[in-house]
PDB file of all heavy atoms in Angstrom:
ATOM      1  N   ARG A   1       5.578   4.066  10.125  1.00  0.00           N
ATOM      2  CA  ARG A   1       6.505   5.112   9.775  1.00  0.00           C
ATOM      3  C   ARG A   1       6.530   6.201  10.843  1.00  0.00           C
ATOM      4  O   ARG A   1       7.578   6.646  11.350  1.00  0.00           O
ATOM      5  CB  ARG A   1       6.165   5.748   8.429  1.00  0.00           C
ATOM      6  CG  ARG A   1       6.623   4.912   7.228  1.00  0.00           C
ATOM      7  CD  ARG A   1       6.369   5.621   5.951  1.00  0.00           C
ATOM      8  NE  ARG A   1       7.138   5.002   4.851  1.00  0.00           N
ATOM      9  CZ  ARG A   1       8.400   5.275   4.578  1.00  0.00           C
ATOM     10  NH1 ARG A   1       9.057   6.183   5.294  1.00  0.00           N
ATOM     11  NH2 ARG A   1       9.058   4.656   3.605  1.00  0.00           N
ATOM     12  N   GLY A   2       5.355   6.661  11.237  1.00  0.00           N
ATOM     13  CA  GLY A   2       5.278   7.717  12.222  1.00  0.00           C
ATOM     14  C   GLY A   2       5.884   7.365  13.587  1.00  0.00           C
ATOM     15  O   GLY A   2       6.596   8.188  14.168  1.00  0.00           O
ATOM     16  N   HIS A   3       5.613   6.151  14.031  1.00  0.00           N
ATOM     17  CA  HIS A   3       6.063   5.741  15.338  1.00  0.00           C
ATOM     18  C   HIS A   3       7.487   5.190  15.354  1.00  0.00           C
ATOM     19  O   HIS A   3       8.011   4.846  16.447  1.00  0.00           O
ATOM     20  CB  HIS A   3       5.091   4.730  15.955  1.00  0.00           C
ATOM     21  CG  HIS A   3       3.794   5.323  16.384  1.00  0.00           C
ATOM     22  ND1 HIS A   3       3.682   6.115  17.495  1.00  0.00           N
ATOM     23  CD2 HIS A   3       2.556   5.219  15.870  1.00  0.00           C
ATOM     24  CE1 HIS A   3       2.413   6.515  17.612  1.00  0.00           C
ATOM     25  NE2 HIS A   3       1.722   5.980  16.639  1.00  0.00           N
ATOM     26  N   SER A   4       8.102   5.118  14.205  1.00  0.00           N
ATOM     27  CA  SER A   4       9.541   4.762  14.136  1.00  0.00           C
ATOM     28  C   SER A   4      10.392   5.964  13.791  1.00  0.00           C
ATOM     29  O   SER A   4      11.608   5.826  13.549  1.00  0.00           O
ATOM     30  CB  SER A   4       9.744   3.629  13.132  1.00  0.00           C
ATOM     31  OG  SER A   4       9.417   4.048  11.809  1.00  0.00           O
ATOM     32  N   GLY A   5       9.751   7.138  13.700  1.00  0.00           N
ATOM     33  CA  GLY A   5      10.478   8.364  13.430  1.00  0.00           C
ATOM     34  C   GLY A   5      10.847   8.627  11.951  1.00  0.00           C
ATOM     35  O   GLY A   5      11.696   9.477  11.642  1.00  0.00           O
ATOM     36  N   ARG A   6      10.128   7.943  11.075  1.00  0.00           N
ATOM     37  CA  ARG A   6      10.380   8.135   9.638  1.00  0.00           C
ATOM     38  C   ARG A   6       9.355   9.053   8.989  1.00  0.00           C
ATOM     39  O   ARG A   6       8.279   9.263   9.526  1.00  0.00           O
ATOM     40  CB  ARG A   6      10.350   6.756   8.945  1.00  0.00           C
ATOM     41  CG  ARG A   6      11.543   5.899   9.306  1.00  0.00           C
ATOM     42  CD  ARG A   6      11.374   4.458   8.839  1.00  0.00           C
ATOM     43  NE  ARG A   6      12.647   3.754   9.007  1.00  0.00           N
ATOM     44  CZ  ARG A   6      13.104   3.266  10.164  1.00  0.00           C
ATOM     45  NH1 ARG A   6      12.379   3.398  11.223  1.00  0.00           N
ATOM     46  NH2 ARG A   6      14.243   2.630  10.229  1.00  0.00           N
ATOM     47  N   PRO A   7       9.715   9.633   7.851  1.00  0.00           N
ATOM     48  CA  PRO A   7       8.802  10.565   7.154  1.00  0.00           C
ATOM     49  C   PRO A   7       7.590   9.868   6.677  1.00  0.00           C
ATOM     50  O   PRO A   7       7.603   8.665   6.308  1.00  0.00           O
ATOM     51  CB  PRO A   7       9.636  11.130   5.987  1.00  0.00           C
ATOM     52  CG  PRO A   7      10.699  10.085   5.796  1.00  0.00           C
ATOM     53  CD  PRO A   7      11.026   9.512   7.138  1.00  0.00           C
ATOM     54  N   LEU A   8       6.469  10.570   6.650  1.00  0.00           N
ATOM     55  CA  LEU A   8       5.176   9.986   6.183  1.00  0.00           C
ATOM     56  C   LEU A   8       5.090  10.098   4.664  1.00  0.00           C
ATOM     57  O   LEU A   8       4.316  10.882   4.121  1.00  0.00           O
ATOM     58  CB  LEU A   8       4.027  10.729   6.897  1.00  0.00           C
ATOM     59  CG  LEU A   8       3.999  10.619   8.397  1.00  0.00           C
ATOM     60  CD1 LEU A   8       2.811  11.411   8.964  1.00  0.00           C
ATOM     61  CD2 LEU A   8       3.904   9.199   8.855  1.00  0.00           C
ATOM     62  N   HIS A   9       5.883   9.255   4.062  1.00  0.00           N
ATOM     63  CA  HIS A   9       5.946   9.243   2.606  1.00  0.00           C
ATOM     64  C   HIS A   9       6.009   7.779   2.118  1.00  0.00           C
ATOM     65  O   HIS A   9       6.869   7.050   2.558  1.00  0.00           O
ATOM     66  CB  HIS A   9       7.145  10.023   2.080  1.00  0.00           C
ATOM     67  CG  HIS A   9       7.398   9.898   0.619  1.00  0.00           C
ATOM     68  ND1 HIS A   9       6.621  10.556  -0.319  1.00  0.00           N
ATOM     69  CD2 HIS A   9       8.310   9.185  -0.077  1.00  0.00           C
ATOM     70  CE1 HIS A   9       7.063  10.248  -1.524  1.00  0.00           C
ATOM     71  NE2 HIS A   9       8.072   9.432  -1.418  1.00  0.00           N
ATOM     72  N   ALA A  10       5.119   7.412   1.212  1.00  0.00           N
ATOM     73  CA  ALA A  10       5.094   6.031   0.735  1.00  0.00           C
ATOM     74  C   ALA A  10       6.119   5.831  -0.384  1.00  0.00           C
ATOM     75  O   ALA A  10       6.171   6.609  -1.344  1.00  0.00           O
ATOM     76  CB  ALA A  10       3.717   5.673   0.230  1.00  0.00           C
ATOM     77  N   SER A  11       6.926   4.804  -0.258  1.00  0.00           N
ATOM     78  CA  SER A  11       7.898   4.471  -1.289  1.00  0.00           C
ATOM     79  C   SER A  11       7.207   3.699  -2.415  1.00  0.00           C
ATOM     80  O   SER A  11       6.031   3.348  -2.332  1.00  0.00           O
ATOM     81  CB  SER A  11       9.016   3.603  -0.709  1.00  0.00           C
ATOM     82  OG  SER A  11       8.500   2.322  -0.326  1.00  0.00           O
ATOM     83  N   SER A  12       7.959   3.407  -3.463  1.00  0.00           N
ATOM     84  CA  SER A  12       7.392   2.657  -4.583  1.00  0.00           C
ATOM     85  C   SER A  12       6.942   1.257  -4.161  1.00  0.00           C
ATOM     86  O   SER A  12       5.928   0.736  -4.673  1.00  0.00           O
ATOM     87  CB  SER A  12       8.411   2.542  -5.725  1.00  0.00           C
ATOM     88  OG  SER A  12       9.628   1.957  -5.261  1.00  0.00           O
ATOM     89  N   ALA A  13       7.656   0.651  -3.231  1.00  0.00           N
ATOM     90  CA  ALA A  13       7.290  -0.676  -2.733  1.00  0.00           C
ATOM     91  C   ALA A  13       5.959  -0.605  -1.983  1.00  0.00           C
ATOM     92  O   ALA A  13       5.063  -1.488  -2.164  1.00  0.00           O
ATOM     93  CB  ALA A  13       8.370  -1.249  -1.855  1.00  0.00           C
ATOM     94  N   GLU A  14       5.788   0.407  -1.185  1.00  0.00           N
ATOM     95  CA  GLU A  14       4.536   0.539  -0.444  1.00  0.00           C
ATOM     96  C   GLU A  14       3.378   0.822  -1.380  1.00  0.00           C
ATOM     97  O   GLU A  14       2.280   0.300  -1.211  1.00  0.00           O
ATOM     98  CB  GLU A  14       4.663   1.661   0.615  1.00  0.00           C
ATOM     99  CG  GLU A  14       5.575   1.259   1.750  1.00  0.00           C
ATOM    100  CD  GLU A  14       6.210   2.435   2.456  1.00  0.00           C
ATOM    101  OE1 GLU A  14       6.740   3.347   1.780  1.00  0.00           O
ATOM    102  OE2 GLU A  14       6.124   2.487   3.734  1.00  0.00           O
ATOM    103  N   ILE A  15       3.617   1.689  -2.379  1.00  0.00           N
ATOM    104  CA  ILE A  15       2.567   1.981  -3.358  1.00  0.00           C
ATOM    105  C   ILE A  15       2.156   0.714  -4.098  1.00  0.00           C
ATOM    106  O   ILE A  15       0.982   0.454  -4.345  1.00  0.00           O
ATOM    107  CB  ILE A  15       3.014   3.058  -4.347  1.00  0.00           C
ATOM    108  CG1 ILE A  15       3.255   4.371  -3.617  1.00  0.00           C
ATOM    109  CG2 ILE A  15       2.015   3.254  -5.456  1.00  0.00           C
ATOM    110  CD1 ILE A  15       3.961   5.432  -4.477  1.00  0.00           C
ATOM    111  N   ALA A  16       3.152  -0.132  -4.426  1.00  0.00           N
ATOM    112  CA  ALA A  16       2.841  -1.394  -5.071  1.00  0.00           C
ATOM    113  C   ALA A  16       1.975  -2.281  -4.197  1.00  0.00           C
ATOM    114  O   ALA A  16       1.010  -2.912  -4.663  1.00  0.00           O
ATOM    115  CB  ALA A  16       4.154  -2.142  -5.392  1.00  0.00           C
ATOM    116  N   ALA A  17       2.273  -2.282  -2.869  1.00  0.00           N
ATOM    117  CA  ALA A  17       1.431  -3.048  -1.922  1.00  0.00           C
ATOM    118  C   ALA A  17       0.024  -2.532  -1.886  1.00  0.00           C
ATOM    119  O   ALA A  17      -0.942  -3.289  -1.866  1.00  0.00           O
ATOM    120  CB  ALA A  17       2.071  -3.051  -0.570  1.00  0.00           C
ATOM    121  N   TYR A  18      -0.134  -1.196  -1.906  1.00  0.00           N
ATOM    122  CA  TYR A  18      -1.482  -0.580  -1.891  1.00  0.00           C
ATOM    123  C   TYR A  18      -2.253  -1.069  -3.132  1.00  0.00           C
ATOM    124  O   TYR A  18      -3.441  -1.475  -3.030  1.00  0.00           O
ATOM    125  CB  TYR A  18      -1.354   0.947  -1.966  1.00  0.00           C
ATOM    126  CG  TYR A  18      -0.688   1.608  -0.776  1.00  0.00           C
ATOM    127  CD1 TYR A  18      -0.270   2.957  -0.898  1.00  0.00           C
ATOM    128  CD2 TYR A  18      -0.479   0.952   0.407  1.00  0.00           C
ATOM    129  CE1 TYR A  18       0.307   3.587   0.175  1.00  0.00           C
ATOM    130  CE2 TYR A  18       0.115   1.607   1.472  1.00  0.00           C
ATOM    131  CZ  TYR A  18       0.544   2.889   1.374  1.00  0.00           C
ATOM    132  OH  TYR A  18       1.129   3.544   2.396  1.00  0.00           O
ATOM    133  N   VAL A  19      -1.654  -0.985  -4.284  1.00  0.00           N
ATOM    134  CA  VAL A  19      -2.290  -1.332  -5.524  1.00  0.00           C
ATOM    135  C   VAL A  19      -2.639  -2.821  -5.545  1.00  0.00           C
ATOM    136  O   VAL A  19      -3.773  -3.235  -5.929  1.00  0.00           O
ATOM    137  CB  VAL A  19      -1.433  -0.973  -6.750  1.00  0.00           C
ATOM    138  CG1 VAL A  19      -2.045  -1.499  -8.016  1.00  0.00           C
ATOM    139  CG2 VAL A  19      -1.226   0.553  -6.836  1.00  0.00           C
ATOM    140  N   LEU A  20      -1.734  -3.665  -5.092  1.00  0.00           N
ATOM    141  CA  LEU A  20      -1.947  -5.110  -5.088  1.00  0.00           C
ATOM    142  C   LEU A  20      -3.168  -5.480  -4.220  1.00  0.00           C
ATOM    143  O   LEU A  20      -3.963  -6.321  -4.600  1.00  0.00           O
ATOM    144  CB  LEU A  20      -0.707  -5.832  -4.604  1.00  0.00           C
ATOM    145  CG  LEU A  20       0.472  -5.833  -5.587  1.00  0.00           C
ATOM    146  CD1 LEU A  20       1.714  -6.359  -4.890  1.00  0.00           C
ATOM    147  CD2 LEU A  20       0.173  -6.684  -6.809  1.00  0.00           C
ATOM    148  N   VAL A  21      -3.293  -4.872  -3.060  1.00  0.00           N
ATOM    149  CA  VAL A  21      -4.422  -5.187  -2.174  1.00  0.00           C
ATOM    150  C   VAL A  21      -5.733  -4.830  -2.872  1.00  0.00           C
ATOM    151  O   VAL A  21      -6.679  -5.611  -2.863  1.00  0.00           O
ATOM    152  CB  VAL A  21      -4.294  -4.402  -0.817  1.00  0.00           C
ATOM    153  CG1 VAL A  21      -5.637  -4.423  -0.077  1.00  0.00           C
ATOM    154  CG2 VAL A  21      -3.225  -5.079   0.037  1.00  0.00           C
ATOM    155  N   HIS A  22      -5.791  -3.674  -3.487  1.00  0.00           N
ATOM    156  CA  HIS A  22      -7.067  -3.231  -4.076  1.00  0.00           C
ATOM    157  C   HIS A  22      -7.416  -3.934  -5.365  1.00  0.00           C
ATOM    158  O   HIS A  22      -8.578  -4.259  -5.627  1.00  0.00           O
ATOM    159  CB  HIS A  22      -7.062  -1.718  -4.244  1.00  0.00           C
ATOM    160  CG  HIS A  22      -7.352  -0.970  -2.982  1.00  0.00           C
ATOM    161  ND1 HIS A  22      -8.555  -1.002  -2.352  1.00  0.00           N
ATOM    162  CD2 HIS A  22      -6.519  -0.292  -2.149  1.00  0.00           C
ATOM    163  CE1 HIS A  22      -8.509  -0.315  -1.230  1.00  0.00           C
ATOM    164  NE2 HIS A  22      -7.272   0.108  -1.072  1.00  0.00           N
ATOM    165  N   VAL A  23      -6.389  -4.235  -6.166  1.00  0.00           N
ATOM    166  CA  VAL A  23      -6.651  -5.023  -7.379  1.00  0.00           C
ATOM    167  C   VAL A  23      -7.110  -6.425  -6.973  1.00  0.00           C
ATOM    168  O   VAL A  23      -8.040  -6.987  -7.551  1.00  0.00           O
ATOM    169  CB  VAL A  23      -5.426  -5.070  -8.276  1.00  0.00           C
ATOM    170  CG1 VAL A  23      -5.657  -6.033  -9.453  1.00  0.00           C
ATOM    171  CG2 VAL A  23      -5.092  -3.673  -8.827  1.00  0.00           C
ATOM    172  N   GLY A  24      -6.445  -7.005  -5.943  1.00  0.00           N
ATOM    173  CA  GLY A  24      -6.906  -8.308  -5.440  1.00  0.00           C
ATOM    174  C   GLY A  24      -8.326  -8.294  -4.963  1.00  0.00           C
ATOM    175  O   GLY A  24      -9.089  -9.199  -5.245  1.00  0.00           O
ATOM    176  N   ALA A  25      -8.715  -7.240  -4.237  1.00  0.00           N
ATOM    177  CA  ALA A  25     -10.091  -7.112  -3.772  1.00  0.00           C
ATOM    178  C   ALA A  25     -11.058  -6.997  -4.930  1.00  0.00           C
ATOM    179  O   ALA A  25     -12.119  -7.627  -4.945  1.00  0.00           O
ATOM    180  CB  ALA A  25     -10.240  -5.941  -2.837  1.00  0.00           C
ATOM    181  N   MET A  26     -10.717  -6.194  -5.942  1.00  0.00           N
ATOM    182  CA  MET A  26     -11.592  -6.058  -7.117  1.00  0.00           C
ATOM    183  C   MET A  26     -11.749  -7.388  -7.852  1.00  0.00           C
ATOM    184  O   MET A  26     -12.853  -7.743  -8.272  1.00  0.00           O
ATOM    185  CB  MET A  26     -11.039  -4.971  -8.030  1.00  0.00           C
ATOM    186  CG  MET A  26     -11.212  -3.570  -7.461  1.00  0.00           C
ATOM    187  SD  MET A  26     -10.784  -2.251  -8.673  1.00  0.00           S
ATOM    188  CE  MET A  26      -9.008  -2.343  -8.604  1.00  0.00           C
ATOM    189  N   LEU A  27     -10.683  -8.092  -8.011  1.00  0.00           N
ATOM    190  CA  LEU A  27     -10.771  -9.440  -8.663  1.00  0.00           C
ATOM    191  C   LEU A  27     -11.642 -10.372  -7.877  1.00  0.00           C
ATOM    192  O   LEU A  27     -12.474 -11.092  -8.436  1.00  0.00           O
ATOM    193  CB  LEU A  27      -9.384 -10.031  -8.820  1.00  0.00           C
ATOM    194  CG  LEU A  27      -8.418  -9.359  -9.828  1.00  0.00           C
ATOM    195  CD1 LEU A  27      -7.045  -9.950  -9.754  1.00  0.00           C
ATOM    196  CD2 LEU A  27      -8.997  -9.477 -11.247  1.00  0.00           C
ATOM    197  N   ARG A  28     -11.469 -10.349  -6.543  1.00  0.00           N
ATOM    198  CA  ARG A  28     -12.285 -11.289  -5.726  1.00  0.00           C
ATOM    199  C   ARG A  28     -13.758 -10.951  -5.677  1.00  0.00           C
ATOM    200  O   ARG A  28     -14.621 -11.845  -5.607  1.00  0.00           O
ATOM    201  CB  ARG A  28     -11.728 -11.305  -4.272  1.00  0.00           C
ATOM    202  CG  ARG A  28     -12.414 -12.240  -3.293  1.00  0.00           C
ATOM    203  CD  ARG A  28     -12.172 -13.667  -3.778  1.00  0.00           C
ATOM    204  NE  ARG A  28     -12.908 -14.626  -3.002  1.00  0.00           N
ATOM    205  CZ  ARG A  28     -14.141 -15.030  -3.238  1.00  0.00           C
ATOM    206  NH1 ARG A  28     -14.826 -14.507  -4.314  1.00  0.00           N
ATOM    207  NH2 ARG A  28     -14.717 -15.950  -2.512  1.00  0.00           N
ATOM    208  N   VAL A  29     -14.093  -9.695  -5.778  1.00  0.00           N
ATOM    209  CA  VAL A  29     -15.476  -9.253  -5.688  1.00  0.00           C
ATOM    210  C   VAL A  29     -16.159  -9.229  -7.056  1.00  0.00           C
ATOM    211  O   VAL A  29     -17.263  -9.790  -7.226  1.00  0.00           O
ATOM    212  CB  VAL A  29     -15.592  -7.878  -5.006  1.00  0.00           C
ATOM    213  CG1 VAL A  29     -17.037  -7.356  -5.077  1.00  0.00           C
ATOM    214  CG2 VAL A  29     -15.121  -7.956  -3.547  1.00  0.00           C
ATOM    215  N   PHE A  30     -15.523  -8.569  -8.009  1.00  0.00           N
ATOM    216  CA  PHE A  30     -16.240  -8.262  -9.278  1.00  0.00           C
ATOM    217  C   PHE A  30     -16.073  -9.323 -10.359  1.00  0.00           C
ATOM    218  O   PHE A  30     -17.000  -9.480 -11.178  1.00  0.00           O
ATOM    219  CB  PHE A  30     -15.806  -6.917  -9.804  1.00  0.00           C
ATOM    220  CG  PHE A  30     -16.137  -5.769  -8.862  1.00  0.00           C
ATOM    221  CD1 PHE A  30     -15.175  -4.960  -8.333  1.00  0.00           C
ATOM    222  CD2 PHE A  30     -17.471  -5.526  -8.540  1.00  0.00           C
ATOM    223  CE1 PHE A  30     -15.468  -3.930  -7.458  1.00  0.00           C
ATOM    224  CE2 PHE A  30     -17.824  -4.499  -7.680  1.00  0.00           C
ATOM    225  CZ  PHE A  30     -16.832  -3.676  -7.160  1.00  0.00           C
TER     226      PHE A  30
END
């Protein structure tokens, strides 16, 4: 975002990706 001139703000799709990565990690570990 920063290097393409866009605002540093996460959209709902990006937030979904954040959550998916961490829930996936928790499932794999715990």
